[in-house]
Amino acid sequence: MDRYLGILQDLLTRFGLNAIAAIAIFLIGRWAAQLVRRIIRRVMVKAKMDPTLTSFVIALSYYGVLTMAVIAALNRLGIQTASLVAVLGAAGLAIGLALQGSLSNFASGALIIIFRPFNVGDLIEGGGVFGRVEDIDVLTTALVTLDNKRVTIPNAKLTGNNIVNYSALGKLRVDTVIGVSYGADIDRVKAAIADTLSQDPLVLKNPQPTVAVMELADSSVKFAVRPWAHPDHYWQVYFNTQEAVKKRLDAEGIVIPFPQRDVHVFSKINPNPLEAQADLQNGSVLP
């Protein structure tokens, strides 16, 4: 104990009031760092920010203010802090370059968490992957594809490209095309398809489904059949529509045409391959 008192007395003798001022600066800086930490925590928790991002920002703010307080206290003692600041800056630059990719992902993760282009549970397409959002972290976002594969995507890859959110508006249009023969009555076809869609409980009533002539093709009249569905029911409505419309048109006696090809078989064919080739060249295989 006497040793520490001696060191303290020596410091007071050498630095005098500057030592007291430096200690005061450090204590005030520490108090300010704690105050900043409490304020940031309160604001981010109230804004329902991601807990991982909240912890990181709080720690960064706290130690940032504390570092400035230490530098100010050392400067008050007469210690040259310019070199210390330069070393810290160089170290920060080196760390930044080494973690460039991670910092980019972190910044992108912060943007995703703040602006919320999508939420957990949304069906999105981003980074070349289509799937449902399972988890949003400060560095990566995890998607589960429709065939139950978990894909982890760096956040920078998501924010650096277009993000399609299929769940954002709460409904999706299911686009299908049905072709019928030219002999079918258009009004009858439209009524049959519309009635079929109205019987599917997964098809939304508002907006109403669209059933309209889309194209007069070579061998069929093509109808655009476009019901609306909740994003979670998109594929089920798509499959239901294909099956139910086919059954209904069959029941109504409405023909769905398909491509046909006529094949002509010539009977006068020489069984000898060499002679057959010569006959083909001479045209003698024709009836």
Foldseek 3Di string as FASTA:
>chain_A
DVVVVVVVVVLCVVQNVLLVVLVVLLVVLLVVLVVVLVVLLVVCVVVVFDPVVSVVVSVVSSVVSNVVSNLVSCVSSVHDCPVVVVVVVVVVVVVCVVCVLQVLLLVLLVVCRVVVPDDQQWFKAFLNATAGWHDRDSFWTWGQHPVGDIDIGGSNRGVVDDMGTPQPVFKDKAKDKAWFFPPDDQVVLQVLLLVLLVPDPQFDPPPRWDWAFDDDDDGTTMIITITMGGPVCRVVSNVSSVVSSVVSCVVVVIGRDDDDDDDDDQDQADPDVVVRVVCVVVVVSHD
